[in-house]
Amino acid sequence: MSRRLPPQEHYRRPSPRRGTACFDVVTAVFVIASVLLIGGTVILLNNPSAPFNPLPVATVPDIAQLPSPTITLTPTVTLTPTITLT
Protein backbone atom coordinates (compact mmCIF):
# COMPACT_ATOMS: atom_id res chain seq x y z
CA MET A 1 0.00 0.00 0.00
CA SER A 2 1.26 3.36 -0.88
CA ARG A 3 0.47 6.42 1.14
CA ARG A 4 -1.32 9.28 -0.45
CA LEU A 5 -1.19 12.93 0.48
CA PRO A 6 -4.37 14.45 1.91
CA PRO A 7 -6.36 16.73 -0.33
CA GLN A 8 -5.34 20.36 -0.53
CA GLU A 9 -8.29 21.58 1.57
CA HIS A 10 -7.02 19.67 4.62
CA TYR A 11 -3.80 21.64 4.79
CA ARG A 12 -3.67 24.40 7.40
CA ARG A 13 -2.87 27.81 6.17
CA PRO A 14 -0.28 29.67 8.19
CA SER A 15 -1.87 32.40 10.25
CA PRO A 16 -0.78 35.93 9.53
CA ARG A 17 2.08 36.90 11.82
CA ARG A 18 0.99 39.54 14.28
CA GLY A 19 2.78 40.94 17.28
CA THR A 20 6.32 40.28 16.07
CA ALA A 21 7.24 43.97 16.01
CA CYS A 22 7.84 43.89 19.77
CA PHE A 23 10.24 40.98 19.35
CA ASP A 24 12.01 42.85 16.57
CA VAL A 25 12.49 45.91 18.77
CA VAL A 26 13.78 43.84 21.70
CA THR A 27 16.19 42.03 19.39
CA ALA A 28 17.46 45.32 17.96
CA VAL A 29 18.00 46.72 21.46
CA PHE A 30 20.00 43.64 22.49
CA VAL A 31 22.09 43.73 19.31
CA ILE A 32 22.91 47.42 19.81
CA ALA A 33 23.71 46.86 23.51
CA SER A 34 26.00 43.95 22.61
CA VAL A 35 27.87 46.02 20.05
CA LEU A 36 28.30 48.87 22.55
CA LEU A 37 29.47 46.51 25.28
CA ILE A 38 32.02 44.83 23.03
CA GLY A 39 33.23 48.22 21.76
CA GLY A 40 33.59 49.57 25.31
CA THR A 41 35.53 46.48 26.35
CA VAL A 42 37.92 46.88 23.41
CA ILE A 43 38.43 50.56 24.27
CA LEU A 44 39.16 49.72 27.92
CA LEU A 45 41.62 47.02 26.92
CA ASN A 46 43.45 49.47 24.65
CA ASN A 47 43.29 52.43 27.05
CA PRO A 48 42.79 51.49 30.72
CA SER A 49 42.77 55.13 31.79
CA ALA A 50 39.68 55.98 29.72
CA PRO A 51 37.34 58.43 31.46
CA PHE A 52 34.42 55.96 31.63
CA ASN A 53 36.48 53.20 33.28
CA PRO A 54 34.86 52.35 36.65
CA LEU A 55 38.15 50.92 37.98
CA PRO A 56 40.94 53.11 36.59
CA VAL A 57 44.58 52.18 36.89
CA ALA A 58 46.20 53.50 40.07
CA THR A 59 48.51 56.41 39.46
CA VAL A 60 52.13 55.98 40.44
CA PRO A 61 53.09 58.45 43.19
CA ASP A 62 55.98 60.80 42.62
CA ILE A 63 59.37 59.87 44.02
CA ALA A 64 59.76 61.32 47.49
CA GLN A 65 62.64 63.78 47.67
CA LEU A 66 63.70 64.02 51.27
CA PRO A 67 65.52 67.19 52.27
CA SER A 68 69.22 66.68 52.78
CA PRO A 69 70.95 68.17 55.86
CA THR A 70 72.27 71.62 55.20
CA ILE A 71 76.01 72.19 55.18
CA THR A 72 77.27 74.56 57.85
CA LEU A 73 80.27 76.56 56.81
CA THR A 74 81.27 77.77 60.27
CA PRO A 75 82.41 75.18 62.77
CA THR A 76 80.65 75.08 66.09
CA VAL A 77 82.56 75.18 69.35
CA THR A 78 82.12 72.16 71.56
CA LEU A 79 83.64 72.14 75.00
CA THR A 80 85.23 69.02 76.29
CA PRO A 81 84.06 67.94 79.72
CA THR A 82 86.53 68.35 82.56
CA ILE A 83 86.97 65.96 85.41
CA THR A 84 86.30 67.48 88.79
CA LEU A 85 86.87 65.96 92.19
CA THR A 86 84.07 66.34 94.60
C-alpha atoms as a PDB file:
ATOM      1  CA  MET A   1       0.000   0.000   0.000  1.00  0.00           C
ATOM      2  CA  SER A   2       1.258   3.358  -0.877  1.00  0.00           C
ATOM      3  CA  ARG A   3       0.470   6.420   1.137  1.00  0.00           C
ATOM      4  CA  ARG A   4      -1.315   9.282  -0.449  1.00  0.00           C
ATOM      5  CA  LEU A   5      -1.188  12.927   0.483  1.00  0.00           C
ATOM      6  CA  PRO A   6      -4.367  14.446   1.909  1.00  0.00           C
ATOM      7  CA  PRO A   7      -6.364  16.726  -0.331  1.00  0.00           C
ATOM      8  CA  GLN A   8      -5.343  20.360  -0.529  1.00  0.00           C
ATOM      9  CA  GLU A   9      -8.288  21.579   1.574  1.00  0.00           C
ATOM     10  CA  HIS A  10      -7.016  19.668   4.617  1.00  0.00           C
ATOM     11  CA  TYR A  11      -3.801  21.640   4.793  1.00  0.00           C
ATOM     12  CA  ARG A  12      -3.675  24.396   7.399  1.00  0.00           C
ATOM     13  CA  ARG A  13      -2.870  27.812   6.167  1.00  0.00           C
ATOM     14  CA  PRO A  14      -0.284  29.671   8.189  1.00  0.00           C
ATOM     15  CA  SER A  15      -1.874  32.403  10.248  1.00  0.00           C
ATOM     16  CA  PRO A  16      -0.778  35.934   9.526  1.00  0.00           C
ATOM     17  CA  ARG A  17       2.075  36.904  11.820  1.00  0.00           C
ATOM     18  CA  ARG A  18       0.994  39.538  14.283  1.00  0.00           C
ATOM     19  CA  GLY A  19       2.781  40.945  17.284  1.00  0.00           C
ATOM     20  CA  THR A  20       6.323  40.283  16.075  1.00  0.00           C
ATOM     21  CA  ALA A  21       7.242  43.975  16.014  1.00  0.00           C
ATOM     22  CA  CYS A  22       7.836  43.892  19.774  1.00  0.00           C
ATOM     23  CA  PHE A  23      10.237  40.982  19.354  1.00  0.00           C
ATOM     24  CA  ASP A  24      12.006  42.852  16.566  1.00  0.00           C
ATOM     25  CA  VAL A  25      12.493  45.913  18.774  1.00  0.00           C
ATOM     26  CA  VAL A  26      13.776  43.839  21.702  1.00  0.00           C
ATOM     27  CA  THR A  27      16.185  42.032  19.385  1.00  0.00           C
ATOM     28  CA  ALA A  28      17.457  45.322  17.957  1.00  0.00           C
ATOM     29  CA  VAL A  29      18.001  46.718  21.464  1.00  0.00           C
ATOM     30  CA  PHE A  30      20.004  43.642  22.491  1.00  0.00           C
ATOM     31  CA  VAL A  31      22.092  43.731  19.310  1.00  0.00           C
ATOM     32  CA  ILE A  32      22.911  47.423  19.810  1.00  0.00           C
ATOM     33  CA  ALA A  33      23.706  46.856  23.506  1.00  0.00           C
ATOM     34  CA  SER A  34      25.997  43.951  22.611  1.00  0.00           C
ATOM     35  CA  VAL A  35      27.874  46.018  20.047  1.00  0.00           C
ATOM     36  CA  LEU A  36      28.299  48.873  22.549  1.00  0.00           C
ATOM     37  CA  LEU A  37      29.470  46.508  25.277  1.00  0.00           C
ATOM     38  CA  ILE A  38      32.025  44.835  23.035  1.00  0.00           C
ATOM     39  CA  GLY A  39      33.226  48.223  21.765  1.00  0.00           C
ATOM     40  CA  GLY A  40      33.588  49.566  25.311  1.00  0.00           C
ATOM     41  CA  THR A  41      35.527  46.483  26.347  1.00  0.00           C
ATOM     42  CA  VAL A  42      37.915  46.880  23.408  1.00  0.00           C
ATOM     43  CA  ILE A  43      38.431  50.556  24.265  1.00  0.00           C
ATOM     44  CA  LEU A  44      39.155  49.721  27.915  1.00  0.00           C
ATOM     45  CA  LEU A  45      41.618  47.020  26.924  1.00  0.00           C
ATOM     46  CA  ASN A  46      43.448  49.467  24.647  1.00  0.00           C
ATOM     47  CA  ASN A  47      43.288  52.431  27.045  1.00  0.00           C
ATOM     48  CA  PRO A  48      42.790  51.490  30.720  1.00  0.00           C
ATOM     49  CA  SER A  49      42.774  55.135  31.793  1.00  0.00           C
ATOM     50  CA  ALA A  50      39.682  55.979  29.718  1.00  0.00           C
ATOM     51  CA  PRO A  51      37.337  58.428  31.459  1.00  0.00           C
ATOM     52  CA  PHE A  52      34.419  55.958  31.626  1.00  0.00           C
ATOM     53  CA  ASN A  53      36.481  53.202  33.283  1.00  0.00           C
ATOM     54  CA  PRO A  54      34.860  52.352  36.649  1.00  0.00           C
ATOM     55  CA  LEU A  55      38.150  50.920  37.977  1.00  0.00           C
ATOM     56  CA  PRO A  56      40.941  53.108  36.586  1.00  0.00           C
ATOM     57  CA  VAL A  57      44.581  52.179  36.895  1.00  0.00           C
ATOM     58  CA  ALA A  58      46.199  53.499  40.069  1.00  0.00           C
ATOM     59  CA  THR A  59      48.506  56.414  39.456  1.00  0.00           C
ATOM     60  CA  VAL A  60      52.130  55.985  40.444  1.00  0.00           C
ATOM     61  CA  PRO A  61      53.093  58.451  43.193  1.00  0.00           C
ATOM     62  CA  ASP A  62      55.981  60.804  42.618  1.00  0.00           C
ATOM     63  CA  ILE A  63      59.373  59.871  44.016  1.00  0.00           C
ATOM     64  CA  ALA A  64      59.760  61.321  47.491  1.00  0.00           C
ATOM     65  CA  GLN A  65      62.639  63.782  47.672  1.00  0.00           C
ATOM     66  CA  LEU A  66      63.697  64.025  51.270  1.00  0.00           C
ATOM     67  CA  PRO A  67      65.517  67.190  52.272  1.00  0.00           C
ATOM     68  CA  SER A  68      69.224  66.683  52.784  1.00  0.00           C
ATOM     69  CA  PRO A  69      70.947  68.170  55.855  1.00  0.00           C
ATOM     70  CA  THR A  70      72.268  71.619  55.197  1.00  0.00           C
ATOM     71  CA  ILE A  71      76.008  72.193  55.181  1.00  0.00           C
ATOM     72  CA  THR A  72      77.269  74.556  57.845  1.00  0.00           C
ATOM     73  CA  LEU A  73      80.271  76.560  56.810  1.00  0.00           C
ATOM     74  CA  THR A  74      81.274  77.768  60.267  1.00  0.00           C
ATOM     75  CA  PRO A  75      82.407  75.177  62.766  1.00  0.00           C
ATOM     76  CA  THR A  76      80.654  75.081  66.094  1.00  0.00           C
ATOM     77  CA  VAL A  77      82.555  75.178  69.349  1.00  0.00           C
ATOM     78  CA  THR A  78      82.118  72.157  71.558  1.00  0.00           C
ATOM     79  CA  LEU A  79      83.644  72.142  75.000  1.00  0.00           C
ATOM     80  CA  THR A  80      85.230  69.016  76.289  1.00  0.00           C
ATOM     81  CA  PRO A  81      84.058  67.941  79.724  1.00  0.00           C
ATOM     82  CA  THR A  82      86.528  68.347  82.557  1.00  0.00           C
ATOM     83  CA  ILE A  83      86.968  65.958  85.406  1.00  0.00           C
ATOM     84  CA  THR A  84      86.300  67.484  88.788  1.00  0.00           C
ATOM     85  CA  LEU A  85      86.868  65.958  92.188  1.00  0.00           C
ATOM     86  CA  THR A  86      84.066  66.337  94.600  1.00  0.00           C
END
